[in-house]
PDB file of N, CA and C in Angstrom:
ATOM      1  N   MET A   1       0.994  -0.910   0.300  1.00  0.00           N
ATOM      2  CA  MET A   1      -0.540   0.133   0.202  1.00  0.00           C
ATOM      3  C   MET A   1       1.232   1.532   0.204  1.00  0.00           C
ATOM      4  N   LYS A   2       0.608   2.475  -0.918  1.00  0.00           N
ATOM      5  CA  LYS A   2       1.325   2.987  -1.073  1.00  0.00           C
ATOM      6  C   LYS A   2       1.169   4.273   0.432  1.00  0.00           C
ATOM      7  N   LEU A   3       2.165   4.963   0.973  1.00  0.00           N
ATOM      8  CA  LEU A   3       2.115   5.592   2.033  1.00  0.00           C
ATOM      9  C   LEU A   3       0.769   6.788   1.866  1.00  0.00           C
ATOM     10  N   LYS A   4       0.852   7.616   1.159  1.00  0.00           N
ATOM     11  CA  LYS A   4      -0.286   8.397   0.821  1.00  0.00           C
ATOM     12  C   LYS A   4      -1.762   7.674   1.287  1.00  0.00           C
ATOM     13  N   LYS A   5      -2.250   6.239   0.538  1.00  0.00           N
ATOM     14  CA  LYS A   5      -3.096   5.568   1.030  1.00  0.00           C
ATOM     15  C   LYS A   5      -2.926   4.946   2.415  1.00  0.00           C
ATOM     16  N   ARG A   6      -2.073   4.910   2.903  1.00  0.00           N
ATOM     17  CA  ARG A   6      -2.083   3.874   4.309  1.00  0.00           C
ATOM     18  C   ARG A   6      -2.284   5.231   5.307  1.00  0.00           C
ATOM     19  N   ILE A   7      -1.416   6.327   4.834  1.00  0.00           N
ATOM     20  CA  ILE A   7      -1.943   7.619   6.017  1.00  0.00           C
ATOM     21  C   ILE A   7      -3.309   7.666   6.056  1.00  0.00           C
ATOM     22  N   SER A   8      -4.063   7.926   4.537  1.00  0.00           N
ATOM     23  CA  SER A   8      -5.160   8.453   4.399  1.00  0.00           C
ATOM     24  C   SER A   8      -6.368   6.824   5.919  1.00  0.00           C
ATOM     25  N   TRP A   9      -5.786   5.843   5.279  1.00  0.00           N
ATOM     26  CA  TRP A   9      -6.619   4.621   5.830  1.00  0.00           C
ATOM     27  C   TRP A   9      -6.704   5.342   7.690  1.00  0.00           C
ATOM     28  N   LEU A  10      -5.358   5.526   7.986  1.00  0.00           N
ATOM     29  CA  LEU A  10      -5.133   5.488   8.969  1.00  0.00           C
ATOM     30  C   LEU A  10      -5.866   6.778   9.666  1.00  0.00           C
ATOM     31  N   ILE A  11      -5.967   7.850   9.184  1.00  0.00           N
ATOM     32  CA  ILE A  11      -6.366   9.005   9.677  1.00  0.00           C
ATOM     33  C   ILE A  11      -8.282   8.886   9.612  1.00  0.00           C
ATOM     34  N   ARG A  12      -8.787   7.947   8.716  1.00  0.00           N
ATOM     35  CA  ARG A  12     -10.136   7.768   8.708  1.00  0.00           C
ATOM     36  C   ARG A  12     -10.676   6.652   9.858  1.00  0.00           C
ATOM     37  N   ARG A  13      -9.281   5.694   9.938  1.00  0.00           N
ATOM     38  CA  ARG A  13      -9.719   4.860  11.066  1.00  0.00           C
ATOM     39  C   ARG A  13      -9.772   5.362  12.539  1.00  0.00           C
ATOM     40  N   VAL A  14      -8.785   6.330  12.788  1.00  0.00           N
ATOM     41  CA  VAL A  14      -9.201   7.290  14.490  1.00  0.00           C
ATOM     42  C   VAL A  14     -10.179   7.954  14.214  1.00  0.00           C
ATOM     43  N   GLN A  15     -10.633   8.953  12.886  1.00  0.00           N
ATOM     44  CA  GLN A  15     -11.679   9.440  13.198  1.00  0.00           C
ATOM     45  C   GLN A  15     -13.341   8.730  13.433  1.00  0.00           C
ATOM     46  N   ARG A  16     -13.019   7.691  12.954  1.00  0.00           N
ATOM     47  CA  ARG A  16     -14.027   6.691  13.101  1.00  0.00           C
ATOM     48  C   ARG A  16     -13.963   5.863  14.605  1.00  0.00           C
ATOM     49  N   SER A  17     -12.820   5.658  14.905  1.00  0.00           N
ATOM     50  CA  SER A  17     -13.165   4.641  15.893  1.00  0.00           C
ATOM     51  C   SER A  17     -12.421   5.224  17.717  1.00  0.00           C
ATOM     52  N   LEU A  18     -11.485   6.084  16.871  1.00  0.00           N
ATOM     53  CA  LEU A  18     -10.907   6.582  18.121  1.00  0.00           C
ATOM     54  C   LEU A  18     -11.312   7.631  19.061  1.00  0.00           C
ATOM     55  N   PHE A  19     -11.538   8.855  17.904  1.00  0.00           N
ATOM     56  CA  PHE A  19     -12.365   9.857  18.226  1.00  0.00           C
ATOM     57  C   PHE A  19     -13.944   9.749  19.260  1.00  0.00           C
ATOM     58  N   PRO A  20     -14.520   8.888  18.612  1.00  0.00           N
ATOM     59  CA  PRO A  20     -15.646   8.684  19.264  1.00  0.00           C
ATOM     60  C   PRO A  20     -15.602   8.339  20.809  1.00  0.00           C
ATOM     61  N   HIS A  21     -14.476   6.925  20.856  1.00  0.00           N
ATOM     62  CA  HIS A  21     -13.841   6.254  21.984  1.00  0.00           C
ATOM     63  C   HIS A  21     -13.542   7.694  23.038  1.00  0.00           C
ATOM     64  N   LEU A  22     -12.700   8.301  22.763  1.00  0.00           N
ATOM     65  CA  LEU A  22     -12.426   9.301  23.369  1.00  0.00           C
ATOM     66  C   LEU A  22     -12.795  10.748  24.168  1.00  0.00           C
ATOM     67  N   ASP A  23     -14.177  10.727  23.377  1.00  0.00           N
ATOM     68  CA  ASP A  23     -15.381  11.490  23.233  1.00  0.00           C
ATOM     69  C   ASP A  23     -15.849  11.057  24.670  1.00  0.00           C
ATOM     70  N   GLU A  24     -16.446   9.447  24.485  1.00  0.00           N
ATOM     71  CA  GLU A  24     -17.259   9.083  25.642  1.00  0.00           C
ATOM     72  C   GLU A  24     -16.444   8.919  26.701  1.00  0.00           C
ATOM     73  N   CYS A  25     -15.079   9.003  27.175  1.00  0.00           N
ATOM     74  CA  CYS A  25     -14.426   8.633  28.212  1.00  0.00           C
ATOM     75  C   CYS A  25     -13.944   9.883  28.631  1.00  0.00           C
ATOM     76  N   LEU A  26     -14.210  11.320  28.099  1.00  0.00           N
ATOM     77  CA  LEU A  26     -13.612  12.550  28.612  1.00  0.00           C
ATOM     78  C   LEU A  26     -14.965  13.512  28.999  1.00  0.00           C
ATOM     79  N   SER A  27     -15.125  14.323  30.109  1.00  0.00           N
ATOM     80  CA  SER A  27     -15.821  15.386  30.315  1.00  0.00           C
ATOM     81  C   SER A  27     -16.577  16.231  29.004  1.00  0.00           C
ATOM     82  N   SER A  28     -15.316  16.952  28.143  1.00  0.00           N
ATOM     83  CA  SER A  28     -15.768  17.304  27.293  1.00  0.00           C
ATOM     84  C   SER A  28     -15.117  17.038  25.536  1.00  0.00           C
ATOM     85  N   PRO A  29     -15.666  17.519  24.684  1.00  0.00           N
ATOM     86  CA  PRO A  29     -15.210  17.091  23.547  1.00  0.00           C
ATOM     87  C   PRO A  29     -13.977  17.297  23.336  1.00  0.00           C
ATOM     88  N   LEU A  30     -12.547  16.390  22.375  1.00  0.00           N
ATOM     89  CA  LEU A  30     -11.590  17.268  22.137  1.00  0.00           C
ATOM     90  C   LEU A  30     -11.708  18.065  21.260  1.00  0.00           C
ATOM     91  N   THR A  31     -10.632  19.465  21.594  1.00  0.00           N
ATOM     92  CA  THR A  31     -10.741  20.749  20.886  1.00  0.00           C
ATOM     93  C   THR A  31     -10.380  20.267  19.272  1.00  0.00           C
ATOM     94  N   ASP A  32     -10.252  21.266  18.306  1.00  0.00           N
ATOM     95  CA  ASP A  32      -9.563  20.985  17.196  1.00  0.00           C
ATOM     96  C   ASP A  32      -7.951  20.713  17.336  1.00  0.00           C
ATOM     97  N   TRP A  33      -7.308  21.106  18.326  1.00  0.00           N
ATOM     98  CA  TRP A  33      -5.931  21.050  18.464  1.00  0.00           C
ATOM     99  C   TRP A  33      -5.652  19.842  19.133  1.00  0.00           C
ATOM    100  N   GLU A  34      -6.449  19.656  19.772  1.00  0.00           N
ATOM    101  CA  GLU A  34      -6.306  18.026  20.601  1.00  0.00           C
ATOM    102  C   GLU A  34      -6.430  17.094  19.459  1.00  0.00           C
ATOM    103  N   LYS A  35      -7.488  16.727  18.926  1.00  0.00           N
ATOM    104  CA  LYS A  35      -7.511  16.014  17.545  1.00  0.00           C
ATOM    105  C   LYS A  35      -6.586  16.221  16.451  1.00  0.00           C
ATOM    106  N   ARG A  36      -6.049  17.126  16.514  1.00  0.00           N
ATOM    107  CA  ARG A  36      -4.661  16.882  15.543  1.00  0.00           C
ATOM    108  C   ARG A  36      -3.617  15.857  16.465  1.00  0.00           C
ATOM    109  N   LEU A  37      -3.215  16.527  17.663  1.00  0.00           N
ATOM    110  CA  LEU A  37      -2.588  16.217  18.199  1.00  0.00           C
ATOM    111  C   LEU A  37      -2.290  14.281  18.227  1.00  0.00           C
ATOM    112  N   VAL A  38      -4.044  13.883  18.860  1.00  0.00           N
ATOM    113  CA  VAL A  38      -3.884  12.771  18.650  1.00  0.00           C
ATOM    114  C   VAL A  38      -3.412  12.057  17.125  1.00  0.00           C
ATOM    115  N   LYS A  39      -4.515  12.578  16.397  1.00  0.00           N
ATOM    116  CA  LYS A  39      -3.672  11.961  14.833  1.00  0.00           C
ATOM    117  C   LYS A  39      -2.154  11.951  14.701  1.00  0.00           C
ATOM    118  N   ILE A  40      -1.135  12.834  15.226  1.00  0.00           N
ATOM    119  CA  ILE A  40      -0.014  12.991  14.880  1.00  0.00           C
ATOM    120  C   ILE A  40       0.640  11.967  15.674  1.00  0.00           C
ATOM    121  N   LEU A  41       0.098  11.590  17.483  1.00  0.00           N
ATOM    122  CA  LEU A  41       0.507  10.451  18.112  1.00  0.00           C
ATOM    123  C   LEU A  41       0.159   8.844  17.749  1.00  0.00           C
ATOM    124  N   GLU A  42      -0.866   9.109  16.941  1.00  0.00           N
ATOM    125  CA  GLU A  42      -1.551   7.865  16.316  1.00  0.00           C
ATOM    126  C   GLU A  42      -0.610   7.573  15.036  1.00  0.00           C
ATOM    127  N   LEU A  43      -0.123   8.812  13.957  1.00  0.00           N
ATOM    128  CA  LEU A  43       0.145   8.612  12.850  1.00  0.00           C
ATOM    129  C   LEU A  43       2.283   7.862  13.085  1.00  0.00           C
ATOM    130  N   THR A  44       2.475   8.289  14.364  1.00  0.00           N
ATOM    131  CA  THR A  44       4.027   8.012  14.444  1.00  0.00           C
ATOM    132  C   THR A  44       3.835   6.953  16.029  1.00  0.00           C
ATOM    133  N   LEU A  45       2.834   6.429  16.200  1.00  0.00           N
ATOM    134  CA  LEU A  45       3.358   5.138  16.770  1.00  0.00           C
ATOM    135  C   LEU A  45       3.939   5.686  17.966  1.00  0.00           C
ATOM    136  N   VAL A  46       3.888   6.435  18.776  1.00  0.00           N
ATOM    137  CA  VAL A  46       5.037   7.229  19.915  1.00  0.00           C
ATOM    138  C   VAL A  46       4.768   6.258  20.782  1.00  0.00           C
ATOM    139  N   GLU A  47       3.779   4.689  20.864  1.00  0.00           N
ATOM    140  CA  GLU A  47       3.814   4.101  22.257  1.00  0.00           C
ATOM    141  C   GLU A  47       5.522   3.356  21.863  1.00  0.00           C
ATOM    142  N   LYS A  48       5.742   3.373  20.701  1.00  0.00           N
ATOM    143  CA  LYS A  48       6.588   2.778  20.089  1.00  0.00           C
ATOM    144  C   LYS A  48       8.330   2.958  21.293  1.00  0.00           C
ATOM    145  N   TYR A  49       8.061   4.205  21.239  1.00  0.00           N
ATOM    146  CA  TYR A  49       9.245   5.417  21.821  1.00  0.00           C
ATOM    147  C   TYR A  49       9.263   5.648  22.997  1.00  0.00           C
ATOM    148  N   VAL A  50       7.721   5.596  24.212  1.00  0.00           N
ATOM    149  CA  VAL A  50       7.452   5.891  25.126  1.00  0.00           C
ATOM    150  C   VAL A  50       8.331   4.482  26.055  1.00  0.00           C
ATOM    151  N   PRO A  51       8.748   4.975  26.781  1.00  0.00           N
ATOM    152  CA  PRO A  51       8.888   3.504  27.900  1.00  0.00           C
ATOM    153  C   PRO A  51       7.519   3.458  28.877  1.00  0.00           C
ATOM    154  N   LYS A  52       7.177   1.985  28.831  1.00  0.00           N
ATOM    155  CA  LYS A  52       6.265   1.460  30.004  1.00  0.00           C
ATOM    156  C   LYS A  52       6.597   2.113  31.261  1.00  0.00           C
ATOM    157  N   SER A  53       5.672   2.951  31.894  1.00  0.00           N
ATOM    158  CA  SER A  53       6.135   3.217  33.125  1.00  0.00           C
ATOM    159  C   SER A  53       5.725   1.838  34.350  1.00  0.00           C
ATOM    160  N   VAL A  54       6.133   2.118  35.519  1.00  0.00           N
ATOM    161  CA  VAL A  54       5.757   1.436  36.295  1.00  0.00           C
ATOM    162  C   VAL A  54       5.130   1.710  37.394  1.00  0.00           C
ATOM    163  N   ALA A  55       3.730   0.954  37.644  1.00  0.00           N
ATOM    164  CA  ALA A  55       2.627   1.417  38.521  1.00  0.00           C
ATOM    165  C   ALA A  55       3.241   1.307  39.686  1.00  0.00           C
ATOM    166  N   THR A  56       3.029   2.582  40.550  1.00  0.00           N
ATOM    167  CA  THR A  56       3.324   3.180  42.062  1.00  0.00           C
ATOM    168  C   THR A  56       2.336   2.560  42.524  1.00  0.00           C
TER     169      THR A  56
END
C-alpha cells in the first residue's frame, strides 16, 4: 500500500473509532488542536518510543 493511501486509511480509522471513544471517556469533547495531536501521535506510533511506566 502506498504511503499516502496508508496515511489516509489510518486517519479515517482514527476519526471513526478513536475519536468517538475518547469523546465518551472525556468530560468535554476534544478541541481541534487535541484532535490534531491525537492524529499525530497515532501516525507516529509514539507508544513504540515511550517506555512503559511502572505502576506505583
